[in-house]
Amino acid sequence: MFPLFKSKKAFFAVAIVIIVVLNLYTFSMAYPTMNQPLNLGGADLPRDFSVYYLAAWRMVHNPSQIFTTQPLNDGEPTIYPPITPYKYLPSFLVEISPLLSLSYYQAFWVFDAIMFILIPMMAFLFYKLLEDKHPAIALVVMVAVLLLPYPMADRGLSVSYFMSWAEGQAKILVAFLLLLSFYLGYRGKPGMSGVAFALGAFDPRFAVLALPLFIFYNKGNLRRAGAVMVIGVVALNAVVFYPGTAQGFIGMVFGTGTTTPLYTPAWIPAIMLACLFAVNARQMVDELKKTANAFRSRDKNAAVSSPAERPL
């Protein structure tokens, strides 16, 4: 299978290096956009990261205004152009709040650097998570998710990753945290799996889509994993109970939140989940059948053990 390599590990080590280098090329194409306002189609557009940065500042200084799109005269940083609505749960702001110690552009560059560092880490998680699959399957999944080939002029080899870095998007982080949760569940660490899933649930759309995989990978310890996950989600989003914050969140969800398109950076977690559903489809179906049979057997046993009705 690996005639040019001494082992499977060597083969995947080389594959990961190639994927990272190719992503570095796309990153280098996005880098010039990181020093000035983002201009696409001849117009300056607000970056997604500017939304995150101001929303995190507001969470610390004025929580009721997290979901407000108007500039506030309360000492908050001034970023051009004006921000668009913040559309995640407040838990994401908790995660990125340490970046507030930096200026906006410094924080933006650090955030993008962290997103890039997550790529080889995700590659390692895929390698371990798919260790019982055919190596070709693992390689295809890595290329599909971590390279996501879709070249465009001046946007490198992947428009999804280019826009992730040009916008300062968080979809790489979503994918990493959900993947980490699956891996920890697979390794028999349900508590840590629940924590990772709670951290990655700041985009509710992908949290809902990922829930069947979370259940599958934690099938032996689901009660503990689920309890930790629920507690984590509530704790990380406690700021939503601050007066005015819940109203802003509800207004966002039923306003712009429900009409947000699946922009190209969102393809990263979407394709990751689709790949994991595909490679685990047979096992997941078998688990569903096993669970259904267990319920049927329990119902039959309950019917047999219950006393027969006596005639009046």
C-alpha atoms as a PDB file:
ATOM      1  CA  MET A   1       0.000   0.000   0.000  1.00  0.00           C
ATOM      2  CA  PHE A   2       2.869   2.376   0.772  1.00  0.00           C
ATOM      3  CA  PRO A   3       5.733   1.243  -1.510  1.00  0.00           C
ATOM      4  CA  LEU A   4       7.568   4.580  -1.194  1.00  0.00           C
ATOM      5  CA  PHE A   5       7.168   4.827   2.576  1.00  0.00           C
ATOM      6  CA  LYS A   6       8.322   2.699   5.461  1.00  0.00           C
ATOM      7  CA  SER A   7       5.024   2.907   7.294  1.00  0.00           C
ATOM      8  CA  LYS A   8       1.489   4.258   7.280  1.00  0.00           C
ATOM      9  CA  LYS A   9       2.593   6.985   9.710  1.00  0.00           C
ATOM     10  CA  ALA A  10       5.302   8.186   7.318  1.00  0.00           C
ATOM     11  CA  PHE A  11       2.808   8.295   4.450  1.00  0.00           C
ATOM     12  CA  PHE A  12       0.335  10.434   6.402  1.00  0.00           C
ATOM     13  CA  ALA A  13       3.090  12.631   7.814  1.00  0.00           C
ATOM     14  CA  VAL A  14       4.125  13.526   4.253  1.00  0.00           C
ATOM     15  CA  ALA A  15       0.474  13.999   3.222  1.00  0.00           C
ATOM     16  CA  ILE A  16      -0.135  16.368   6.133  1.00  0.00           C
ATOM     17  CA  VAL A  17       2.970  18.399   5.315  1.00  0.00           C
ATOM     18  CA  ILE A  18       1.814  18.757   1.685  1.00  0.00           C
ATOM     19  CA  ILE A  19      -1.684  19.830   2.770  1.00  0.00           C
ATOM     20  CA  VAL A  20      -0.248  22.423   5.174  1.00  0.00           C
ATOM     21  CA  VAL A  21       2.160  23.805   2.553  1.00  0.00           C
ATOM     22  CA  LEU A  22      -0.627  24.129  -0.026  1.00  0.00           C
ATOM     23  CA  ASN A  23      -2.771  25.900   2.561  1.00  0.00           C
ATOM     24  CA  LEU A  24       0.152  28.179   3.308  1.00  0.00           C
ATOM     25  CA  TYR A  25       0.077  29.249  -0.337  1.00  0.00           C
ATOM     26  CA  THR A  26      -3.622  30.165  -0.036  1.00  0.00           C
ATOM     27  CA  PHE A  27      -2.863  31.939   3.252  1.00  0.00           C
ATOM     28  CA  SER A  28      -0.152  33.966   1.508  1.00  0.00           C
ATOM     29  CA  MET A  29      -2.710  35.063  -1.103  1.00  0.00           C
ATOM     30  CA  ALA A  30      -5.024  36.293   1.657  1.00  0.00           C
ATOM     31  CA  TYR A  31      -2.293  38.019   3.672  1.00  0.00           C
ATOM     32  CA  PRO A  32      -2.205  41.278   1.648  1.00  0.00           C
ATOM     33  CA  THR A  33      -5.889  41.819   2.505  1.00  0.00           C
ATOM     34  CA  MET A  34      -5.113  41.671   6.232  1.00  0.00           C
ATOM     35  CA  ASN A  35      -3.458  45.092   6.466  1.00  0.00           C
ATOM     36  CA  GLN A  36      -6.335  47.253   5.248  1.00  0.00           C
ATOM     37  CA  PRO A  37     -10.126  47.300   4.971  1.00  0.00           C
ATOM     38  CA  LEU A  38     -11.441  44.318   3.025  1.00  0.00           C
ATOM     39  CA  ASN A  39     -12.317  45.414  -0.500  1.00  0.00           C
ATOM     40  CA  LEU A  40     -14.332  43.000  -2.622  1.00  0.00           C
ATOM     41  CA  GLY A  41     -16.115  43.983  -5.807  1.00  0.00           C
ATOM     42  CA  GLY A  42     -14.884  47.567  -5.492  1.00  0.00           C
ATOM     43  CA  ALA A  43     -16.480  48.197  -2.081  1.00  0.00           C
ATOM     44  CA  ASP A  44     -15.041  48.176   1.431  1.00  0.00           C
ATOM     45  CA  LEU A  45     -16.826  45.481   3.430  1.00  0.00           C
ATOM     46  CA  PRO A  46     -16.828  44.801   7.189  1.00  0.00           C
ATOM     47  CA  ARG A  47     -14.849  41.713   8.112  1.00  0.00           C
ATOM     48  CA  ASP A  48     -16.480  38.989  10.144  1.00  0.00           C
ATOM     49  CA  PHE A  49     -13.657  39.373  12.657  1.00  0.00           C
ATOM     50  CA  SER A  50     -14.523  43.045  13.195  1.00  0.00           C
ATOM     51  CA  VAL A  51     -17.990  41.854  14.251  1.00  0.00           C
ATOM     52  CA  TYR A  52     -16.465  39.339  16.674  1.00  0.00           C
ATOM     53  CA  TYR A  53     -14.001  41.854  18.103  1.00  0.00           C
ATOM     54  CA  LEU A  54     -16.599  44.555  18.806  1.00  0.00           C
ATOM     55  CA  ALA A  55     -19.138  42.030  20.127  1.00  0.00           C
ATOM     56  CA  ALA A  56     -16.494  40.655  22.520  1.00  0.00           C
ATOM     57  CA  TRP A  57     -15.703  44.209  23.672  1.00  0.00           C
ATOM     58  CA  ARG A  58     -19.396  44.812  24.283  1.00  0.00           C
ATOM     59  CA  MET A  59     -19.757  41.540  26.182  1.00  0.00           C
ATOM     60  CA  VAL A  60     -17.148  42.785  28.646  1.00  0.00           C
ATOM     61  CA  HIS A  61     -18.260  46.437  28.826  1.00  0.00           C
ATOM     62  CA  ASN A  62     -21.902  46.597  27.704  1.00  0.00           C
ATOM     63  CA  PRO A  63     -23.469  43.118  27.344  1.00  0.00           C
ATOM     64  CA  SER A  64     -26.952  44.319  26.411  1.00  0.00           C
ATOM     65  CA  GLN A  65     -25.546  45.702  23.134  1.00  0.00           C
ATOM     66  CA  ILE A  66     -23.804  42.546  21.823  1.00  0.00           C
ATOM     67  CA  PHE A  67     -26.274  42.143  18.966  1.00  0.00           C
ATOM     68  CA  THR A  68     -26.576  45.853  18.100  1.00  0.00           C
ATOM     69  CA  THR A  69     -25.206  46.860  14.696  1.00  0.00           C
ATOM     70  CA  GLN A  70     -25.046  50.612  15.295  1.00  0.00           C
ATOM     71  CA  PRO A  71     -21.770  52.182  16.523  1.00  0.00           C
ATOM     72  CA  LEU A  72     -21.977  53.122  20.212  1.00  0.00           C
ATOM     73  CA  ASN A  73     -20.537  56.224  21.820  1.00  0.00           C
ATOM     74  CA  ASP A  74     -19.375  54.441  24.960  1.00  0.00           C
ATOM     75  CA  GLY A  75     -15.636  54.160  24.366  1.00  0.00           C
ATOM     76  CA  GLU A  76     -15.735  51.050  22.165  1.00  0.00           C
ATOM     77  CA  PRO A  77     -13.091  50.659  19.414  1.00  0.00           C
ATOM     78  CA  THR A  78     -13.857  52.382  16.125  1.00  0.00           C
ATOM     79  CA  ILE A  79     -13.573  50.032  13.153  1.00  0.00           C
ATOM     80  CA  TYR A  80     -14.283  50.901   9.530  1.00  0.00           C
ATOM     81  CA  PRO A  81     -16.612  49.974   7.875  1.00  0.00           C
ATOM     82  CA  PRO A  82     -19.502  49.596  10.396  1.00  0.00           C
ATOM     83  CA  ILE A  83     -20.189  46.061  11.557  1.00  0.00           C
ATOM     84  CA  THR A  84     -22.883  43.661  10.432  1.00  0.00           C
ATOM     85  CA  PRO A  85     -25.004  41.654  12.942  1.00  0.00           C
ATOM     86  CA  TYR A  86     -23.283  39.226  15.303  1.00  0.00           C
ATOM     87  CA  LYS A  87     -24.872  35.822  14.611  1.00  0.00           C
ATOM     88  CA  TYR A  88     -23.265  33.343  17.025  1.00  0.00           C
ATOM     89  CA  LEU A  89     -23.991  32.381  20.618  1.00  0.00           C
ATOM     90  CA  PRO A  90     -22.183  34.497  23.235  1.00  0.00           C
ATOM     91  CA  SER A  91     -19.961  31.504  24.085  1.00  0.00           C
ATOM     92  CA  PHE A  92     -17.742  32.348  21.106  1.00  0.00           C
ATOM     93  CA  LEU A  93     -17.077  35.778  22.594  1.00  0.00           C
ATOM     94  CA  VAL A  94     -15.918  34.121  25.814  1.00  0.00           C
ATOM     95  CA  GLU A  95     -13.452  32.051  23.774  1.00  0.00           C
ATOM     96  CA  ILE A  96     -11.921  34.994  21.906  1.00  0.00           C
ATOM     97  CA  SER A  97     -12.072  37.557  24.751  1.00  0.00           C
ATOM     98  CA  PRO A  98      -8.300  37.230  25.493  1.00  0.00           C
ATOM     99  CA  LEU A  99      -7.693  38.861  22.090  1.00  0.00           C
ATOM    100  CA  LEU A 100      -9.157  42.115  23.458  1.00  0.00           C
ATOM    101  CA  SER A 101      -5.774  42.744  25.075  1.00  0.00           C
ATOM    102  CA  LEU A 102      -4.520  43.435  21.513  1.00  0.00           C
ATOM    103  CA  SER A 103      -5.467  46.153  19.053  1.00  0.00           C
ATOM    104  CA  TYR A 104      -7.970  45.206  16.349  1.00  0.00           C
ATOM    105  CA  TYR A 105      -5.510  44.375  13.565  1.00  0.00           C
ATOM    106  CA  GLN A 106      -3.112  42.631  15.967  1.00  0.00           C
ATOM    107  CA  ALA A 107      -5.982  40.504  17.247  1.00  0.00           C
ATOM    108  CA  PHE A 108      -7.066  39.780  13.675  1.00  0.00           C
ATOM    109  CA  TRP A 109      -3.610  38.535  12.663  1.00  0.00           C
ATOM    110  CA  VAL A 110      -3.268  36.403  15.805  1.00  0.00           C
ATOM    111  CA  PHE A 111      -6.736  34.909  15.230  1.00  0.00           C
ATOM    112  CA  ASP A 112      -5.881  33.981  11.636  1.00  0.00           C
ATOM    113  CA  ALA A 113      -2.549  32.496  12.733  1.00  0.00           C
ATOM    114  CA  ILE A 114      -4.367  30.313  15.267  1.00  0.00           C
ATOM    115  CA  MET A 115      -6.833  29.198  12.566  1.00  0.00           C
ATOM    116  CA  PHE A 116      -3.894  28.169  10.380  1.00  0.00           C
ATOM    117  CA  ILE A 117      -2.231  26.238  13.223  1.00  0.00           C
ATOM    118  CA  LEU A 118      -5.456  24.279  13.717  1.00  0.00           C
ATOM    119  CA  ILE A 119      -5.115  22.679  10.259  1.00  0.00           C
ATOM    120  CA  PRO A 120      -2.260  20.235  11.082  1.00  0.00           C
ATOM    121  CA  MET A 121      -3.969  19.548  14.418  1.00  0.00           C
ATOM    122  CA  MET A 122      -7.158  18.618  12.571  1.00  0.00           C
ATOM    123  CA  ALA A 123      -5.134  16.425  10.231  1.00  0.00           C
ATOM    124  CA  PHE A 124      -3.791  14.498  13.217  1.00  0.00           C
ATOM    125  CA  LEU A 125      -7.315  14.109  14.653  1.00  0.00           C
ATOM    126  CA  PHE A 126      -8.572  12.763  11.315  1.00  0.00           C
ATOM    127  CA  TYR A 127      -5.650  10.328  11.174  1.00  0.00           C
ATOM    128  CA  LYS A 128      -6.486   8.952  14.643  1.00  0.00           C
ATOM    129  CA  LEU A 129     -10.258   9.053  14.208  1.00  0.00           C
ATOM    130  CA  LEU A 130     -10.124   7.154  10.894  1.00  0.00           C
ATOM    131  CA  GLU A 131      -7.408   4.691  11.903  1.00  0.00           C
ATOM    132  CA  ASP A 132      -9.727   1.719  11.374  1.00  0.00           C
ATOM    133  CA  LYS A 133     -10.727   2.867   7.881  1.00  0.00           C
ATOM    134  CA  HIS A 134      -8.867   2.235   4.639  1.00  0.00           C
ATOM    135  CA  PRO A 135      -5.957   4.705   4.310  1.00  0.00           C
ATOM    136  CA  ALA A 136      -7.323   5.953   0.995  1.00  0.00           C
ATOM    137  CA  ILE A 137     -10.555   6.975   2.731  1.00  0.00           C
ATOM    138  CA  ALA A 138      -8.660   8.889   5.418  1.00  0.00           C
ATOM    139  CA  LEU A 139      -6.590  10.668   2.775  1.00  0.00           C
ATOM    140  CA  VAL A 140      -9.640  11.652   0.718  1.00  0.00           C
ATOM    141  CA  VAL A 141     -11.346  13.046   3.835  1.00  0.00           C
ATOM    142  CA  MET A 142      -8.250  15.060   4.787  1.00  0.00           C
ATOM    143  CA  VAL A 143      -7.926  16.553   1.307  1.00  0.00           C
ATOM    144  CA  ALA A 144     -11.661  17.290   1.036  1.00  0.00           C
ATOM    145  CA  VAL A 145     -11.866  19.033   4.424  1.00  0.00           C
ATOM    146  CA  LEU A 146      -8.409  20.507   5.048  1.00  0.00           C
ATOM    147  CA  LEU A 147      -7.548  21.563   1.516  1.00  0.00           C
ATOM    148  CA  LEU A 148     -11.050  21.869   0.030  1.00  0.00           C
ATOM    149  CA  PRO A 149      -9.738  22.440  -3.508  1.00  0.00           C
ATOM    150  CA  TYR A 150     -11.680  25.169  -5.284  1.00  0.00           C
ATOM    151  CA  PRO A 151      -9.168  27.520  -6.920  1.00  0.00           C
ATOM    152  CA  MET A 152     -10.129  31.006  -8.029  1.00  0.00           C
ATOM    153  CA  ALA A 153      -8.067  33.820  -9.511  1.00  0.00           C
ATOM    154  CA  ASP A 154      -6.136  35.683  -6.786  1.00  0.00           C
ATOM    155  CA  ARG A 155      -7.699  33.478  -4.106  1.00  0.00           C
ATOM    156  CA  GLY A 156      -5.287  30.577  -3.983  1.00  0.00           C
ATOM    157  CA  LEU A 157      -6.224  26.908  -4.183  1.00  0.00           C
ATOM    158  CA  SER A 158      -9.350  27.156  -2.027  1.00  0.00           C
ATOM    159  CA  VAL A 159     -11.800  30.031  -1.992  1.00  0.00           C
ATOM    160  CA  SER A 160     -13.215  28.677   1.281  1.00  0.00           C
ATOM    161  CA  TYR A 161      -9.908  28.963   3.121  1.00  0.00           C
ATOM    162  CA  PHE A 162      -8.990  32.225   1.383  1.00  0.00           C
ATOM    163  CA  MET A 163     -12.223  33.851   2.567  1.00  0.00           C
ATOM    164  CA  SER A 164     -11.801  32.314   6.032  1.00  0.00           C
ATOM    165  CA  TRP A 165      -8.524  34.206   6.450  1.00  0.00           C
ATOM    166  CA  ALA A 166      -9.491  37.342   4.531  1.00  0.00           C
ATOM    167  CA  GLU A 167     -12.666  37.678   6.606  1.00  0.00           C
ATOM    168  CA  GLY A 168     -11.221  36.348   9.859  1.00  0.00           C
ATOM    169  CA  GLN A 169     -14.014  33.765   9.827  1.00  0.00           C
ATOM    170  CA  ALA A 170     -14.551  31.245  12.651  1.00  0.00           C
ATOM    171  CA  LYS A 171     -15.623  28.180  10.673  1.00  0.00           C
ATOM    172  CA  ILE A 172     -12.206  26.505  10.967  1.00  0.00           C
ATOM    173  CA  LEU A 173     -12.559  26.788  14.744  1.00  0.00           C
ATOM    174  CA  VAL A 174     -16.076  25.311  14.603  1.00  0.00           C
ATOM    175  CA  ALA A 175     -14.782  22.353  12.591  1.00  0.00           C
ATOM    176  CA  PHE A 176     -11.796  21.826  14.898  1.00  0.00           C
ATOM    177  CA  LEU A 177     -13.800  21.872  18.148  1.00  0.00           C
ATOM    178  CA  LEU A 178     -16.465  19.504  16.822  1.00  0.00           C
ATOM    179  CA  LEU A 179     -13.803  17.174  15.432  1.00  0.00           C
ATOM    180  CA  LEU A 180     -11.967  17.288  18.763  1.00  0.00           C
ATOM    181  CA  SER A 181     -15.211  16.381  20.529  1.00  0.00           C
ATOM    182  CA  PHE A 182     -15.690  13.352  18.267  1.00  0.00           C
ATOM    183  CA  TYR A 183     -12.087  12.240  18.809  1.00  0.00           C
ATOM    184  CA  LEU A 184     -12.330  12.545  22.600  1.00  0.00           C
ATOM    185  CA  GLY A 185     -15.562  10.540  22.584  1.00  0.00           C
ATOM    186  CA  TYR A 186     -13.893   7.930  20.373  1.00  0.00           C
ATOM    187  CA  ARG A 187     -11.004   7.723  22.878  1.00  0.00           C
ATOM    188  CA  GLY A 188     -13.401   7.123  25.770  1.00  0.00           C
ATOM    189  CA  LYS A 189     -13.208  10.593  27.349  1.00  0.00           C
ATOM    190  CA  PRO A 190     -16.882  11.653  27.444  1.00  0.00           C
ATOM    191  CA  GLY A 191     -16.462  14.562  29.845  1.00  0.00           C
ATOM    192  CA  MET A 192     -13.819  16.236  27.738  1.00  0.00           C
ATOM    193  CA  SER A 193     -15.836  15.415  24.615  1.00  0.00           C
ATOM    194  CA  GLY A 194     -18.813  17.244  26.116  1.00  0.00           C
ATOM    195  CA  VAL A 195     -16.662  20.280  26.914  1.00  0.00           C
ATOM    196  CA  ALA A 196     -15.237  20.414  23.382  1.00  0.00           C
ATOM    197  CA  PHE A 197     -18.716  20.103  21.852  1.00  0.00           C
ATOM    198  CA  ALA A 198     -20.042  22.888  24.100  1.00  0.00           C
ATOM    199  CA  LEU A 199     -17.170  25.125  22.972  1.00  0.00           C
ATOM    200  CA  GLY A 200     -17.892  24.330  19.324  1.00  0.00           C
ATOM    201  CA  ALA A 201     -21.653  24.825  19.631  1.00  0.00           C
ATOM    202  CA  PHE A 202     -21.440  28.620  19.254  1.00  0.00           C
ATOM    203  CA  ASP A 203     -22.783  28.182  15.713  1.00  0.00           C
ATOM    204  CA  PRO A 204     -26.069  26.374  16.523  1.00  0.00           C
ATOM    205  CA  ARG A 205     -26.617  25.246  12.924  1.00  0.00           C
ATOM    206  CA  PHE A 206     -23.536  23.044  12.914  1.00  0.00           C
ATOM    207  CA  ALA A 207     -24.095  21.934  16.517  1.00  0.00           C
ATOM    208  CA  VAL A 208     -27.474  20.510  15.522  1.00  0.00           C
ATOM    209  CA  LEU A 209     -26.010  18.833  12.430  1.00  0.00           C
ATOM    210  CA  ALA A 210     -23.125  17.396  14.485  1.00  0.00           C
ATOM    211  CA  LEU A 211     -25.299  16.021  17.288  1.00  0.00           C
ATOM    212  CA  PRO A 212     -25.814  12.531  15.725  1.00  0.00           C
ATOM    213  CA  LEU A 213     -22.026  12.146  15.375  1.00  0.00           C
ATOM    214  CA  PHE A 214     -21.542  13.315  18.972  1.00  0.00           C
ATOM    215  CA  ILE A 215     -24.007  10.618  20.063  1.00  0.00           C
ATOM    216  CA  PHE A 216     -22.316   8.014  17.863  1.00  0.00           C
ATOM    217  CA  TYR A 217     -18.783   8.646  19.115  1.00  0.00           C
ATOM    218  CA  ASN A 218     -19.956   8.753  22.749  1.00  0.00           C
ATOM    219  CA  LYS A 219     -22.314   5.799  22.472  1.00  0.00           C
ATOM    220  CA  GLY A 220     -20.770   4.011  25.456  1.00  0.00           C
ATOM    221  CA  ASN A 221     -20.791   7.062  27.735  1.00  0.00           C
ATOM    222  CA  LEU A 222     -23.536   9.208  26.281  1.00  0.00           C
ATOM    223  CA  ARG A 223     -25.207  10.160  29.550  1.00  0.00           C
ATOM    224  CA  ARG A 224     -22.039  11.697  30.983  1.00  0.00           C
ATOM    225  CA  ALA A 225     -20.991  13.329  27.704  1.00  0.00           C
ATOM    226  CA  GLY A 226     -24.448  14.801  27.187  1.00  0.00           C
ATOM    227  CA  ALA A 227     -24.712  16.135  30.728  1.00  0.00           C
ATOM    228  CA  VAL A 228     -21.321  17.847  30.526  1.00  0.00           C
ATOM    229  CA  MET A 229     -22.181  19.261  27.107  1.00  0.00           C
ATOM    230  CA  VAL A 230     -25.487  20.767  28.296  1.00  0.00           C
ATOM    231  CA  ILE A 231     -23.894  22.239  31.437  1.00  0.00           C
ATOM    232  CA  GLY A 232     -21.074  23.657  29.321  1.00  0.00           C
ATOM    233  CA  VAL A 233     -23.427  25.293  26.802  1.00  0.00           C
ATOM    234  CA  VAL A 234     -25.466  26.919  29.588  1.00  0.00           C
ATOM    235  CA  ALA A 235     -22.387  28.096  31.511  1.00  0.00           C
ATOM    236  CA  LEU A 236     -20.617  29.524  28.458  1.00  0.00           C
ATOM    237  CA  ASN A 237     -23.741  31.438  27.445  1.00  0.00           C
ATOM    238  CA  ALA A 238     -24.738  32.721  30.887  1.00  0.00           C
ATOM    239  CA  VAL A 239     -24.350  36.313  29.673  1.00  0.00           C
ATOM    240  CA  VAL A 240     -27.538  35.851  27.649  1.00  0.00           C
ATOM    241  CA  PHE A 241     -29.448  36.274  30.938  1.00  0.00           C
ATOM    242  CA  TYR A 242     -28.076  39.808  31.328  1.00  0.00           C
ATOM    243  CA  PRO A 243     -30.947  42.316  30.889  1.00  0.00           C
ATOM    244  CA  GLY A 244     -31.366  43.192  27.231  1.00  0.00           C
ATOM    245  CA  THR A 245     -29.042  40.507  25.886  1.00  0.00           C
ATOM    246  CA  ALA A 246     -31.704  37.834  25.447  1.00  0.00           C
ATOM    247  CA  GLN A 247     -33.938  40.248  23.540  1.00  0.00           C
ATOM    248  CA  GLY A 248     -31.064  41.097  21.200  1.00  0.00           C
ATOM    249  CA  PHE A 249     -30.290  37.429  20.666  1.00  0.00           C
ATOM    250  CA  ILE A 250     -33.909  36.511  19.925  1.00  0.00           C
ATOM    251  CA  GLY A 251     -34.210  39.466  17.549  1.00  0.00           C
ATOM    252  CA  MET A 252     -31.098  38.308  15.697  1.00  0.00           C
ATOM    253  CA  VAL A 253     -32.256  34.673  15.475  1.00  0.00           C
ATOM    254  CA  PHE A 254     -35.654  35.531  14.026  1.00  0.00           C
ATOM    255  CA  GLY A 255     -34.256  38.370  11.920  1.00  0.00           C
ATOM    256  CA  THR A 256     -30.964  38.003  10.068  1.00  0.00           C
ATOM    257  CA  GLY A 257     -30.007  34.719  11.728  1.00  0.00           C
ATOM    258  CA  THR A 258     -32.511  32.567   9.854  1.00  0.00           C
ATOM    259  CA  THR A 259     -31.631  33.999   6.445  1.00  0.00           C
ATOM    260  CA  THR A 260     -27.831  33.675   6.574  1.00  0.00           C
ATOM    261  CA  PRO A 261     -26.603  31.872   3.419  1.00  0.00           C
ATOM    262  CA  LEU A 262     -24.034  29.082   3.510  1.00  0.00           C
ATOM    263  CA  TYR A 263     -21.033  31.219   2.557  1.00  0.00           C
ATOM    264  CA  THR A 264     -17.865  29.510   1.313  1.00  0.00           C
ATOM    265  CA  PRO A 265     -16.086  29.340   4.735  1.00  0.00           C
ATOM    266  CA  ALA A 266     -19.108  27.390   6.033  1.00  0.00           C
ATOM    267  CA  TRP A 267     -18.299  24.651   3.513  1.00  0.00           C
ATOM    268  CA  ILE A 268     -15.402  23.599   5.769  1.00  0.00           C
ATOM    269  CA  PRO A 269     -17.463  22.242   8.716  1.00  0.00           C
ATOM    270  CA  ALA A 270     -20.280  21.219   6.367  1.00  0.00           C
ATOM    271  CA  ILE A 271     -18.030  18.983   4.264  1.00  0.00           C
ATOM    272  CA  MET A 272     -16.310  17.660   7.393  1.00  0.00           C
ATOM    273  CA  LEU A 273     -19.635  16.517   8.861  1.00  0.00           C
ATOM    274  CA  ALA A 274     -20.767  15.087   5.520  1.00  0.00           C
ATOM    275  CA  CYS A 275     -17.536  13.065   5.220  1.00  0.00           C
ATOM    276  CA  LEU A 276     -17.799  11.680   8.753  1.00  0.00           C
ATOM    277  CA  PHE A 277     -21.446  10.755   8.218  1.00  0.00           C
ATOM    278  CA  ALA A 278     -20.469   8.973   5.001  1.00  0.00           C
ATOM    279  CA  VAL A 279     -17.579   6.935   6.435  1.00  0.00           C
ATOM    280  CA  ASN A 280     -19.583   5.953   9.529  1.00  0.00           C
ATOM    281  CA  ALA A 281     -22.969   5.444   7.845  1.00  0.00           C
ATOM    282  CA  ARG A 282     -23.021   1.653   8.123  1.00  0.00           C
ATOM    283  CA  GLN A 283     -22.004   1.633  11.790  1.00  0.00           C
ATOM    284  CA  MET A 284     -24.495   4.362  12.633  1.00  0.00           C
ATOM    285  CA  VAL A 285     -27.314   2.426  10.944  1.00  0.00           C
ATOM    286  CA  ASP A 286     -26.286  -0.722  12.827  1.00  0.00           C
ATOM    287  CA  GLU A 287     -26.350   1.216  16.109  1.00  0.00           C
ATOM    288  CA  LEU A 288     -29.835   2.516  15.335  1.00  0.00           C
ATOM    289  CA  LYS A 289     -31.061  -1.007  14.575  1.00  0.00           C
ATOM    290  CA  LYS A 290     -29.484  -2.308  17.765  1.00  0.00           C
ATOM    291  CA  THR A 291     -31.153   0.418  19.806  1.00  0.00           C
ATOM    292  CA  ALA A 292     -34.526  -0.198  18.150  1.00  0.00           C
ATOM    293  CA  ASN A 293     -34.272  -3.953  18.801  1.00  0.00           C
ATOM    294  CA  ALA A 294     -33.376  -3.292  22.433  1.00  0.00           C
ATOM    295  CA  PHE A 295     -36.487  -1.118  22.857  1.00  0.00           C
ATOM    296  CA  ARG A 296     -38.683  -3.743  21.205  1.00  0.00           C
ATOM    297  CA  SER A 297     -37.254  -6.490  23.425  1.00  0.00           C
ATOM    298  CA  ARG A 298     -37.830  -4.378  26.522  1.00  0.00           C
ATOM    299  CA  ASP A 299     -41.443  -3.709  25.520  1.00  0.00           C
ATOM    300  CA  LYS A 300     -42.054  -7.445  24.922  1.00  0.00           C
ATOM    301  CA  ASN A 301     -40.537  -8.382  28.263  1.00  0.00           C
ATOM    302  CA  ALA A 302     -42.634  -5.762  29.983  1.00  0.00           C
ATOM    303  CA  ALA A 303     -45.785  -7.092  28.318  1.00  0.00           C
ATOM    304  CA  VAL A 304     -44.989 -10.707  29.314  1.00  0.00           C
ATOM    305  CA  SER A 305     -44.150  -9.837  32.917  1.00  0.00           C
ATOM    306  CA  SER A 306     -47.258  -7.671  33.486  1.00  0.00           C
ATOM    307  CA  PRO A 307     -50.279  -9.483  34.990  1.00  0.00           C
ATOM    308  CA  ALA A 308     -53.116 -10.309  32.592  1.00  0.00           C
ATOM    309  CA  GLU A 309     -56.246  -8.237  32.897  1.00  0.00           C
ATOM    310  CA  ARG A 310     -58.948  -9.996  34.843  1.00  0.00           C
ATOM    311  CA  PRO A 311     -62.558  -9.937  33.631  1.00  0.00           C
ATOM    312  CA  LEU A 312     -65.007  -7.984  35.764  1.00  0.00           C
END
